[in-house]
């Protein structure tokens, strides 16, 4: 499933070379939401991997951007203890047309499923 979220780039980390062929880069998007009369800011951490790390080179902190991402879950076991991790894997970032005077609010939405997703042989 593909998702997108618009906010202000709050922080961009350096690229980390995990192995000879695998690298990651994290960044944080600040997203405001209204709850009654209060405005709350969420700081959402994303990661990019491989050649997608380079898409962050065009951006700086303070830029308003829309991040397209997938949700990935991993299971990890060490010394008999099982842990689960969730990652937000960014695969595209676009500059937003909003200005700094425009409040940035949640715009998370799930992309519509492809037509093939409905072709499961059921008559309805």
N, C-alpha and C. Protein backbone atom coordinates (compact mmCIF):
# COMPACT_ATOMS: atom_id res chain seq x y z
N UNK A 1 0.82 -1.17 0.00
CA UNK A 1 0.00 0.00 0.00
C UNK A 1 0.87 1.24 0.00
N UNK A 2 0.45 2.22 -0.75
CA UNK A 2 1.18 3.47 -0.81
C UNK A 2 0.42 4.54 -0.03
N UNK A 3 1.17 5.36 0.70
CA UNK A 3 0.60 6.44 1.48
C UNK A 3 1.34 7.72 1.15
N UNK A 4 0.76 8.86 1.54
CA UNK A 4 1.47 10.12 1.40
C UNK A 4 1.11 11.02 2.57
N UNK A 5 2.05 11.89 2.92
CA UNK A 5 1.89 12.79 4.05
C UNK A 5 2.61 14.09 3.72
N UNK A 6 1.98 15.22 3.99
CA UNK A 6 2.58 16.52 3.71
C UNK A 6 2.92 17.21 5.02
N UNK A 7 4.10 17.81 5.08
CA UNK A 7 4.54 18.52 6.27
C UNK A 7 5.81 19.29 5.99
N UNK A 8 6.44 19.76 7.05
CA UNK A 8 7.67 20.53 6.96
C UNK A 8 8.85 19.61 7.30
N UNK A 9 9.87 19.61 6.48
CA UNK A 9 11.05 18.80 6.78
C UNK A 9 11.74 19.40 7.99
N UNK A 10 11.77 18.64 9.06
CA UNK A 10 12.30 19.11 10.34
C UNK A 10 13.78 18.77 10.50
N UNK A 11 14.17 17.62 9.99
CA UNK A 11 15.56 17.16 10.16
C UNK A 11 15.90 16.17 9.06
N UNK A 12 17.15 16.23 8.58
CA UNK A 12 17.65 15.27 7.59
C UNK A 12 18.97 14.73 8.12
N UNK A 13 19.05 13.42 8.27
CA UNK A 13 20.28 12.77 8.76
C UNK A 13 21.22 12.46 7.60
N UNK A 14 22.46 12.18 7.93
CA UNK A 14 23.43 11.74 6.95
C UNK A 14 23.10 10.32 6.51
N UNK A 15 23.55 9.95 5.33
CA UNK A 15 23.41 8.59 4.84
C UNK A 15 24.33 7.67 5.65
N UNK A 16 23.80 6.51 6.03
CA UNK A 16 24.57 5.52 6.78
C UNK A 16 24.76 4.30 5.90
N UNK A 17 26.00 3.93 5.66
CA UNK A 17 26.33 2.74 4.87
C UNK A 17 26.30 1.54 5.80
N UNK A 18 25.25 0.71 5.70
CA UNK A 18 25.07 -0.45 6.59
C UNK A 18 25.96 -1.62 6.18
N UNK A 19 25.98 -1.90 4.88
CA UNK A 19 26.85 -2.94 4.33
C UNK A 19 27.43 -2.36 3.04
N UNK A 20 28.22 -3.15 2.35
CA UNK A 20 28.83 -2.68 1.11
C UNK A 20 27.79 -2.25 0.09
N UNK A 21 26.63 -2.94 0.09
CA UNK A 21 25.61 -2.67 -0.92
C UNK A 21 24.34 -2.04 -0.37
N UNK A 22 24.25 -1.82 0.93
CA UNK A 22 23.01 -1.32 1.52
C UNK A 22 23.28 -0.08 2.36
N UNK A 23 22.48 0.99 2.09
CA UNK A 23 22.60 2.23 2.85
C UNK A 23 21.22 2.77 3.17
N UNK A 24 21.13 3.55 4.24
CA UNK A 24 19.87 4.14 4.65
C UNK A 24 20.08 5.62 4.99
N UNK A 25 19.00 6.36 4.97
CA UNK A 25 19.02 7.76 5.37
C UNK A 25 17.67 8.08 5.98
N UNK A 26 17.70 8.70 7.15
CA UNK A 26 16.47 9.03 7.85
C UNK A 26 16.20 10.53 7.78
N UNK A 27 14.92 10.88 7.85
CA UNK A 27 14.54 12.28 7.94
C UNK A 27 13.22 12.36 8.69
N UNK A 28 12.94 13.56 9.22
CA UNK A 28 11.76 13.77 10.05
C UNK A 28 10.90 14.84 9.40
N UNK A 29 9.60 14.57 9.34
CA UNK A 29 8.62 15.50 8.81
C UNK A 29 7.76 15.98 9.98
N UNK A 30 7.64 17.29 10.16
CA UNK A 30 6.77 17.86 11.19
C UNK A 30 5.40 18.10 10.56
N UNK A 31 4.37 17.52 11.18
CA UNK A 31 3.02 17.60 10.64
C UNK A 31 2.10 18.10 11.74
N UNK A 32 1.37 19.18 11.45
CA UNK A 32 0.44 19.75 12.42
C UNK A 32 -0.96 19.20 12.22
N UNK A 33 -1.68 19.06 13.33
CA UNK A 33 -3.10 18.68 13.25
C UNK A 33 -3.86 19.46 14.31
N UNK A 34 -5.11 19.75 14.00
CA UNK A 34 -5.98 20.48 14.91
C UNK A 34 -6.78 19.49 15.73
N UNK A 35 -6.79 19.67 17.04
CA UNK A 35 -7.65 18.91 17.93
C UNK A 35 -8.40 19.95 18.76
N UNK A 36 -9.63 20.16 18.37
CA UNK A 36 -10.40 21.25 18.98
C UNK A 36 -9.74 22.57 18.64
N UNK A 37 -9.41 23.34 19.66
CA UNK A 37 -8.75 24.62 19.44
C UNK A 37 -7.24 24.52 19.51
N UNK A 38 -6.73 23.34 19.83
CA UNK A 38 -5.29 23.15 19.97
C UNK A 38 -4.67 22.65 18.68
N UNK A 39 -3.43 23.09 18.44
CA UNK A 39 -2.65 22.58 17.31
C UNK A 39 -1.55 21.71 17.89
N UNK A 40 -1.47 20.49 17.40
CA UNK A 40 -0.47 19.54 17.87
C UNK A 40 0.44 19.20 16.70
N UNK A 41 1.74 19.16 16.97
CA UNK A 41 2.71 18.80 15.94
C UNK A 41 3.21 17.39 16.19
N UNK A 42 3.10 16.54 15.18
CA UNK A 42 3.69 15.20 15.21
C UNK A 42 4.99 15.24 14.43
N UNK A 43 5.99 14.53 14.91
CA UNK A 43 7.28 14.42 14.23
C UNK A 43 7.39 12.99 13.73
N UNK A 44 7.25 12.82 12.42
CA UNK A 44 7.18 11.49 11.81
C UNK A 44 8.51 11.18 11.15
N UNK A 45 9.15 10.08 11.59
CA UNK A 45 10.45 9.69 11.05
C UNK A 45 10.28 8.72 9.90
N UNK A 46 10.94 9.03 8.79
CA UNK A 46 10.94 8.18 7.60
C UNK A 46 12.36 7.68 7.36
N UNK A 47 12.46 6.66 6.54
CA UNK A 47 13.77 6.22 6.06
C UNK A 47 13.70 6.03 4.56
N UNK A 48 14.83 6.28 3.92
CA UNK A 48 15.01 5.95 2.51
C UNK A 48 16.16 4.96 2.44
N UNK A 49 16.10 4.06 1.48
CA UNK A 49 17.15 3.06 1.36
C UNK A 49 17.71 3.06 -0.06
N UNK A 50 18.93 2.54 -0.18
CA UNK A 50 19.55 2.39 -1.49
C UNK A 50 19.66 3.71 -2.23
N UNK A 51 19.33 3.69 -3.53
CA UNK A 51 19.45 4.90 -4.34
C UNK A 51 18.42 5.96 -3.97
N UNK A 52 17.40 5.60 -3.20
CA UNK A 52 16.39 6.58 -2.76
C UNK A 52 16.96 7.54 -1.71
N UNK A 53 18.12 7.22 -1.12
CA UNK A 53 18.76 8.13 -0.16
C UNK A 53 19.09 9.46 -0.82
N UNK A 54 19.40 9.44 -2.11
CA UNK A 54 19.83 10.64 -2.81
C UNK A 54 18.70 11.63 -3.09
N UNK A 55 17.43 11.21 -2.99
CA UNK A 55 16.33 12.13 -3.26
C UNK A 55 16.28 13.25 -2.22
N UNK A 56 16.88 13.03 -1.07
CA UNK A 56 16.88 14.05 -0.02
C UNK A 56 17.90 15.16 -0.28
N UNK A 57 18.81 14.96 -1.23
CA UNK A 57 19.84 15.96 -1.50
C UNK A 57 19.25 17.28 -2.00
N UNK A 58 18.07 17.25 -2.57
CA UNK A 58 17.43 18.46 -3.11
C UNK A 58 16.68 19.26 -2.06
N UNK A 59 16.60 18.75 -0.83
CA UNK A 59 15.77 19.37 0.20
C UNK A 59 16.60 19.82 1.39
N UNK A 60 16.03 20.78 2.12
CA UNK A 60 16.65 21.32 3.33
C UNK A 60 15.61 21.37 4.43
N UNK A 61 16.05 21.49 5.67
CA UNK A 61 15.10 21.66 6.76
C UNK A 61 14.30 22.94 6.52
N UNK A 62 13.04 22.89 6.85
CA UNK A 62 12.14 24.01 6.63
C UNK A 62 11.35 23.93 5.34
N UNK A 63 11.76 23.07 4.41
CA UNK A 63 11.02 22.90 3.16
C UNK A 63 9.70 22.17 3.43
N UNK A 64 8.66 22.58 2.73
CA UNK A 64 7.38 21.89 2.81
C UNK A 64 7.36 20.85 1.69
N UNK A 65 7.05 19.62 2.05
CA UNK A 65 7.13 18.53 1.08
C UNK A 65 6.05 17.50 1.32
N UNK A 66 5.71 16.78 0.27
CA UNK A 66 4.83 15.64 0.35
C UNK A 66 5.68 14.39 0.18
N UNK A 67 5.58 13.49 1.15
CA UNK A 67 6.37 12.26 1.15
C UNK A 67 5.45 11.10 0.77
N UNK A 68 5.85 10.33 -0.22
CA UNK A 68 5.14 9.11 -0.62
C UNK A 68 5.92 7.96 0.01
N UNK A 69 5.20 7.06 0.68
CA UNK A 69 5.90 6.02 1.44
C UNK A 69 5.08 4.74 1.54
N UNK A 70 5.77 3.68 1.91
CA UNK A 70 5.17 2.38 2.22
C UNK A 70 5.41 2.09 3.68
N UNK A 71 4.52 1.34 4.29
CA UNK A 71 4.70 0.90 5.67
C UNK A 71 5.27 -0.51 5.62
N UNK A 72 6.41 -0.70 6.28
CA UNK A 72 7.07 -2.01 6.30
C UNK A 72 7.20 -2.48 7.75
N UNK A 73 6.92 -3.73 7.98
CA UNK A 73 7.07 -4.32 9.31
C UNK A 73 8.07 -5.45 9.28
N UNK A 74 8.91 -5.52 10.31
CA UNK A 74 9.94 -6.55 10.38
C UNK A 74 9.90 -7.25 11.72
N UNK A 75 10.24 -8.53 11.71
CA UNK A 75 10.37 -9.34 12.92
C UNK A 75 11.85 -9.63 13.11
N UNK A 76 12.33 -9.49 14.35
CA UNK A 76 13.74 -9.71 14.65
C UNK A 76 13.84 -10.51 15.93
N UNK A 77 14.67 -11.55 15.92
CA UNK A 77 14.83 -12.39 17.09
C UNK A 77 16.30 -12.47 17.47
N UNK A 78 16.59 -12.26 18.75
CA UNK A 78 17.95 -12.37 19.26
C UNK A 78 17.89 -12.88 20.69
N UNK A 79 18.68 -13.90 20.98
CA UNK A 79 18.75 -14.50 22.32
C UNK A 79 17.37 -14.92 22.83
N UNK A 80 16.54 -15.43 21.94
CA UNK A 80 15.22 -15.91 22.32
C UNK A 80 14.17 -14.82 22.49
N UNK A 81 14.54 -13.57 22.33
CA UNK A 81 13.59 -12.46 22.47
C UNK A 81 13.19 -11.97 21.07
N UNK A 82 11.89 -11.89 20.85
CA UNK A 82 11.36 -11.46 19.56
C UNK A 82 10.94 -9.99 19.66
N UNK A 83 11.36 -9.21 18.68
CA UNK A 83 10.98 -7.80 18.60
C UNK A 83 10.38 -7.53 17.22
N UNK A 84 9.54 -6.52 17.15
CA UNK A 84 8.93 -6.11 15.89
C UNK A 84 9.24 -4.64 15.64
N UNK A 85 9.50 -4.30 14.39
CA UNK A 85 9.82 -2.93 14.01
C UNK A 85 8.93 -2.52 12.85
N UNK A 86 8.55 -1.26 12.87
CA UNK A 86 7.78 -0.69 11.77
C UNK A 86 8.58 0.44 11.16
N UNK A 87 8.73 0.44 9.86
CA UNK A 87 9.45 1.49 9.15
C UNK A 87 8.54 2.15 8.13
N UNK A 88 8.70 3.45 7.99
CA UNK A 88 8.02 4.20 6.95
C UNK A 88 9.05 4.44 5.86
N UNK A 89 8.98 3.67 4.79
CA UNK A 89 9.98 3.72 3.72
C UNK A 89 9.56 4.71 2.64
N UNK A 90 10.24 5.86 2.62
CA UNK A 90 9.95 6.90 1.63
C UNK A 90 10.54 6.51 0.29
N UNK A 91 9.74 6.65 -0.76
CA UNK A 91 10.22 6.32 -2.09
C UNK A 91 10.09 7.49 -3.06
N UNK A 92 9.40 8.57 -2.64
CA UNK A 92 9.34 9.77 -3.46
C UNK A 92 9.03 10.96 -2.55
N UNK A 93 9.65 12.10 -2.86
CA UNK A 93 9.39 13.34 -2.14
C UNK A 93 9.13 14.42 -3.19
N UNK A 94 8.07 15.20 -2.98
CA UNK A 94 7.73 16.28 -3.89
C UNK A 94 7.63 17.58 -3.12
N UNK A 95 8.10 18.67 -3.73
CA UNK A 95 7.93 19.99 -3.12
C UNK A 95 6.44 20.31 -3.10
N UNK A 96 5.99 20.91 -2.03
CA UNK A 96 4.59 21.27 -1.91
C UNK A 96 4.38 22.66 -2.47
N UNK A 97 3.18 22.92 -2.96
CA UNK A 97 2.83 24.23 -3.50
C UNK A 97 2.39 25.19 -2.41
N UNK A 98 2.33 24.70 -1.17
CA UNK A 98 1.89 25.55 -0.07
C UNK A 98 2.96 26.59 0.25
N UNK A 99 2.54 27.69 0.84
CA UNK A 99 3.48 28.71 1.28
C UNK A 99 3.70 28.56 2.78
N UNK A 100 4.68 29.25 3.31
CA UNK A 100 4.94 29.18 4.74
C UNK A 100 3.80 29.75 5.58
N UNK A 101 2.92 30.55 4.97
CA UNK A 101 1.78 31.11 5.69
C UNK A 101 0.62 30.12 5.77
N UNK A 102 0.68 29.07 4.95
CA UNK A 102 -0.38 28.08 4.93
C UNK A 102 -0.09 27.01 5.98
N UNK A 103 -1.01 26.76 6.92
CA UNK A 103 -0.74 25.71 7.91
C UNK A 103 -0.64 24.35 7.23
N UNK A 104 0.28 23.55 7.68
CA UNK A 104 0.46 22.21 7.13
C UNK A 104 -0.27 21.24 8.04
N UNK A 105 -1.25 20.55 7.51
CA UNK A 105 -2.06 19.64 8.31
C UNK A 105 -1.98 18.24 7.71
N UNK A 106 -2.52 17.27 8.45
CA UNK A 106 -2.52 15.91 7.95
C UNK A 106 -3.19 15.83 6.60
N UNK A 107 -2.51 15.19 5.69
CA UNK A 107 -3.09 14.91 4.39
C UNK A 107 -2.78 13.46 4.03
N UNK A 108 -2.68 12.62 5.04
CA UNK A 108 -2.36 11.22 4.78
C UNK A 108 -3.53 10.58 4.06
N UNK A 109 -3.21 9.86 3.02
CA UNK A 109 -4.25 9.14 2.32
C UNK A 109 -3.65 7.91 1.68
N UNK A 110 -4.45 6.91 1.60
CA UNK A 110 -4.03 5.67 0.99
C UNK A 110 -4.36 5.74 -0.48
N UNK A 111 -3.42 5.36 -1.32
CA UNK A 111 -3.68 5.35 -2.75
C UNK A 111 -4.74 4.30 -3.07
N UNK A 112 -5.52 4.57 -4.09
CA UNK A 112 -6.56 3.63 -4.50
C UNK A 112 -5.92 2.34 -5.01
N UNK A 113 -6.51 1.20 -4.72
CA UNK A 113 -5.96 -0.06 -5.22
C UNK A 113 -6.04 -0.12 -6.74
N UNK A 114 -5.11 -0.83 -7.31
CA UNK A 114 -5.12 -1.01 -8.77
C UNK A 114 -6.33 -1.86 -9.15
N UNK A 115 -6.77 -1.71 -10.39
CA UNK A 115 -7.94 -2.45 -10.85
C UNK A 115 -7.71 -3.96 -10.74
N UNK A 116 -6.46 -4.41 -10.92
CA UNK A 116 -6.14 -5.83 -10.82
C UNK A 116 -6.38 -6.37 -9.41
N UNK A 117 -6.32 -5.49 -8.38
CA UNK A 117 -6.56 -5.94 -7.01
C UNK A 117 -7.98 -6.45 -6.81
N UNK A 118 -8.91 -6.01 -7.68
CA UNK A 118 -10.30 -6.42 -7.57
C UNK A 118 -10.61 -7.64 -8.41
N UNK A 119 -9.68 -8.08 -9.22
CA UNK A 119 -9.90 -9.19 -10.13
C UNK A 119 -9.53 -10.50 -9.43
N UNK A 120 -10.32 -10.88 -8.42
CA UNK A 120 -10.02 -12.07 -7.65
C UNK A 120 -10.97 -13.23 -7.95
N UNK A 121 -11.77 -13.08 -9.01
CA UNK A 121 -12.65 -14.16 -9.42
C UNK A 121 -13.99 -14.16 -8.73
N UNK A 122 -14.23 -13.27 -7.77
CA UNK A 122 -15.52 -13.22 -7.09
C UNK A 122 -16.53 -12.52 -7.99
N UNK A 123 -17.79 -12.95 -7.93
CA UNK A 123 -18.81 -12.39 -8.84
C UNK A 123 -19.31 -11.01 -8.41
N UNK A 124 -18.83 -10.44 -7.33
CA UNK A 124 -19.31 -9.12 -6.90
C UNK A 124 -18.17 -8.18 -6.64
